[in-house]
Amino acid sequence: MLTVKWKDSAQIDLAEIVGYVEQYNQIAAIKLKSLIVATAEGLAEMPYKFPRGRVPNTREVVVHPN
């Protein structure tokens, strides 16, 4: 199985997104973080499920429409 590698900048972005949502709705922030992490980690099992990313050797997925 492949490994999902989180860039430092991605971890910072995730923390900032969750922190922003948390200001308004803590439960929604927890659910959003869980959804983002689960979707990203799922790439290890099915790496070709999503289209190629704009950055070479990456895949992209829209986790939430907002």
N, C-alpha and C. Protein backbone atom coordinates (compact mmCIF):
# COMPACT_ATOMS: atom_id res chain seq x y z
N MET A 1 0.84 -1.17 0.00
CA MET A 1 0.00 0.00 0.00
C MET A 1 0.89 1.24 0.00
N LEU A 2 0.43 2.27 -0.67
CA LEU A 2 1.15 3.53 -0.72
C LEU A 2 0.97 4.31 0.58
N THR A 3 1.77 5.34 0.74
CA THR A 3 1.68 6.20 1.92
C THR A 3 1.30 7.61 1.49
N VAL A 4 0.38 8.21 2.20
CA VAL A 4 0.02 9.60 1.95
C VAL A 4 1.00 10.47 2.73
N LYS A 5 1.64 11.38 2.02
CA LYS A 5 2.60 12.28 2.67
C LYS A 5 1.99 13.67 2.74
N TRP A 6 1.87 14.19 3.93
CA TRP A 6 1.33 15.53 4.15
C TRP A 6 2.48 16.51 4.16
N LYS A 7 2.44 17.50 3.28
CA LYS A 7 3.43 18.56 3.32
C LYS A 7 3.18 19.40 4.57
N ASP A 8 4.23 20.04 5.05
CA ASP A 8 4.06 20.93 6.21
C ASP A 8 3.03 22.00 5.92
N SER A 9 3.08 22.54 4.71
CA SER A 9 2.12 23.59 4.35
C SER A 9 0.69 23.07 4.34
N ALA A 10 0.50 21.81 3.97
CA ALA A 10 -0.85 21.22 3.98
C ALA A 10 -1.35 21.05 5.41
N GLN A 11 -0.46 20.67 6.30
CA GLN A 11 -0.85 20.52 7.71
C GLN A 11 -1.21 21.88 8.31
N ILE A 12 -0.47 22.90 7.94
CA ILE A 12 -0.78 24.25 8.41
C ILE A 12 -2.11 24.71 7.85
N ASP A 13 -2.33 24.48 6.55
CA ASP A 13 -3.60 24.85 5.92
C ASP A 13 -4.77 24.15 6.61
N LEU A 14 -4.61 22.87 6.88
CA LEU A 14 -5.67 22.11 7.54
C LEU A 14 -5.97 22.71 8.92
N ALA A 15 -4.95 23.01 9.67
CA ALA A 15 -5.14 23.59 11.01
C ALA A 15 -5.83 24.95 10.92
N GLU A 16 -5.47 25.74 9.93
CA GLU A 16 -6.09 27.06 9.77
C GLU A 16 -7.56 26.94 9.36
N ILE A 17 -7.85 26.03 8.46
CA ILE A 17 -9.23 25.82 8.02
C ILE A 17 -10.09 25.35 9.19
N VAL A 18 -9.60 24.37 9.90
CA VAL A 18 -10.35 23.83 11.04
C VAL A 18 -10.50 24.90 12.12
N GLY A 19 -9.45 25.65 12.37
CA GLY A 19 -9.52 26.72 13.36
C GLY A 19 -10.54 27.78 13.00
N TYR A 20 -10.63 28.12 11.74
CA TYR A 20 -11.60 29.11 11.29
C TYR A 20 -13.03 28.59 11.50
N VAL A 21 -13.29 27.38 11.05
CA VAL A 21 -14.63 26.81 11.20
C VAL A 21 -14.98 26.65 12.68
N GLU A 22 -13.99 26.30 13.47
CA GLU A 22 -14.21 26.07 14.90
C GLU A 22 -14.71 27.33 15.62
N GLN A 23 -14.33 28.49 15.12
CA GLN A 23 -14.80 29.74 15.73
C GLN A 23 -16.32 29.84 15.69
N TYR A 24 -16.91 29.24 14.69
CA TYR A 24 -18.35 29.34 14.48
C TYR A 24 -19.11 28.09 14.88
N ASN A 25 -18.46 26.93 14.73
CA ASN A 25 -19.16 25.68 15.02
C ASN A 25 -18.12 24.58 15.27
N GLN A 26 -17.92 24.26 16.54
CA GLN A 26 -16.90 23.29 16.92
C GLN A 26 -17.20 21.89 16.38
N ILE A 27 -18.44 21.50 16.40
CA ILE A 27 -18.80 20.16 15.90
C ILE A 27 -18.55 20.07 14.40
N ALA A 28 -18.92 21.10 13.66
CA ALA A 28 -18.68 21.11 12.22
C ALA A 28 -17.19 21.06 11.92
N ALA A 29 -16.39 21.74 12.73
CA ALA A 29 -14.93 21.74 12.53
C ALA A 29 -14.36 20.33 12.71
N ILE A 30 -14.82 19.65 13.73
CA ILE A 30 -14.35 18.28 13.99
C ILE A 30 -14.74 17.36 12.84
N LYS A 31 -15.98 17.48 12.38
CA LYS A 31 -16.45 16.65 11.26
C LYS A 31 -15.68 16.95 9.98
N LEU A 32 -15.43 18.23 9.71
CA LEU A 32 -14.70 18.61 8.51
C LEU A 32 -13.28 18.08 8.54
N LYS A 33 -12.62 18.21 9.67
CA LYS A 33 -11.24 17.70 9.78
C LYS A 33 -11.22 16.19 9.54
N SER A 34 -12.16 15.50 10.15
CA SER A 34 -12.24 14.05 9.98
C SER A 34 -12.47 13.68 8.52
N LEU A 35 -13.35 14.41 7.85
CA LEU A 35 -13.65 14.14 6.44
C LEU A 35 -12.42 14.38 5.57
N ILE A 36 -11.72 15.49 5.80
CA ILE A 36 -10.53 15.82 5.01
C ILE A 36 -9.45 14.76 5.21
N VAL A 37 -9.18 14.42 6.45
CA VAL A 37 -8.12 13.44 6.74
C VAL A 37 -8.49 12.07 6.17
N ALA A 38 -9.72 11.64 6.37
CA ALA A 38 -10.14 10.33 5.87
C ALA A 38 -10.06 10.25 4.35
N THR A 39 -10.47 11.32 3.69
CA THR A 39 -10.42 11.33 2.23
C THR A 39 -8.98 11.28 1.74
N ALA A 40 -8.13 12.08 2.34
CA ALA A 40 -6.72 12.09 1.94
C ALA A 40 -6.05 10.75 2.22
N GLU A 41 -6.28 10.21 3.38
CA GLU A 41 -5.67 8.93 3.73
C GLU A 41 -6.21 7.80 2.84
N GLY A 42 -7.44 7.94 2.36
CA GLY A 42 -8.02 6.94 1.47
C GLY A 42 -7.29 6.84 0.14
N LEU A 43 -6.54 7.86 -0.20
CA LEU A 43 -5.75 7.81 -1.43
C LEU A 43 -4.71 6.70 -1.39
N ALA A 44 -4.28 6.32 -0.21
CA ALA A 44 -3.29 5.25 -0.09
C ALA A 44 -3.85 3.92 -0.59
N GLU A 45 -5.14 3.71 -0.39
CA GLU A 45 -5.78 2.47 -0.82
C GLU A 45 -6.21 2.50 -2.28
N MET A 46 -6.63 3.67 -2.75
CA MET A 46 -7.09 3.81 -4.13
C MET A 46 -6.49 5.07 -4.74
N PRO A 47 -5.21 5.06 -5.04
CA PRO A 47 -4.52 6.27 -5.47
C PRO A 47 -4.99 6.85 -6.80
N TYR A 48 -5.61 6.06 -7.62
CA TYR A 48 -6.03 6.55 -8.93
C TYR A 48 -7.52 6.88 -8.99
N LYS A 49 -8.16 6.90 -7.83
CA LYS A 49 -9.59 7.18 -7.76
C LYS A 49 -9.90 8.62 -8.19
N PHE A 50 -8.99 9.53 -7.89
CA PHE A 50 -9.20 10.95 -8.17
C PHE A 50 -8.31 11.41 -9.31
N PRO A 51 -8.68 12.50 -9.97
CA PRO A 51 -7.90 12.98 -11.12
C PRO A 51 -6.52 13.50 -10.72
N ARG A 52 -5.64 13.54 -11.69
CA ARG A 52 -4.29 14.08 -11.47
C ARG A 52 -4.39 15.52 -11.00
N GLY A 53 -3.48 15.88 -10.11
CA GLY A 53 -3.46 17.24 -9.59
C GLY A 53 -2.73 18.19 -10.51
N ARG A 54 -2.85 19.47 -10.19
CA ARG A 54 -2.15 20.49 -10.96
C ARG A 54 -0.64 20.42 -10.71
N VAL A 55 -0.26 19.92 -9.55
CA VAL A 55 1.15 19.72 -9.21
C VAL A 55 1.53 18.32 -9.67
N PRO A 56 2.66 18.16 -10.37
CA PRO A 56 3.06 16.84 -10.86
C PRO A 56 3.11 15.79 -9.73
N ASN A 57 2.72 14.59 -10.07
CA ASN A 57 2.74 13.44 -9.15
C ASN A 57 1.80 13.61 -7.95
N THR A 58 0.70 14.33 -8.14
CA THR A 58 -0.30 14.47 -7.08
C THR A 58 -1.67 14.12 -7.62
N ARG A 59 -2.61 13.97 -6.73
CA ARG A 59 -4.02 13.75 -7.05
C ARG A 59 -4.82 14.81 -6.33
N GLU A 60 -5.96 15.18 -6.89
CA GLU A 60 -6.81 16.20 -6.27
C GLU A 60 -8.22 15.66 -6.08
N VAL A 61 -8.82 16.11 -5.01
CA VAL A 61 -10.20 15.74 -4.72
C VAL A 61 -10.87 16.93 -4.02
N VAL A 62 -12.13 17.17 -4.34
CA VAL A 62 -12.91 18.17 -3.62
C VAL A 62 -13.60 17.43 -2.47
N VAL A 63 -13.19 17.74 -1.27
CA VAL A 63 -13.73 17.03 -0.09
C VAL A 63 -15.06 17.60 0.32
N HIS A 64 -15.19 18.92 0.20
CA HIS A 64 -16.42 19.59 0.62
C HIS A 64 -16.66 20.76 -0.35
N PRO A 65 -17.87 20.97 -0.78
CA PRO A 65 -18.12 22.01 -1.78
C PRO A 65 -17.81 23.43 -1.32
N ASN A 66 -17.75 23.66 -0.02
CA ASN A 66 -17.44 25.00 0.47
C ASN A 66 -15.95 25.14 0.69
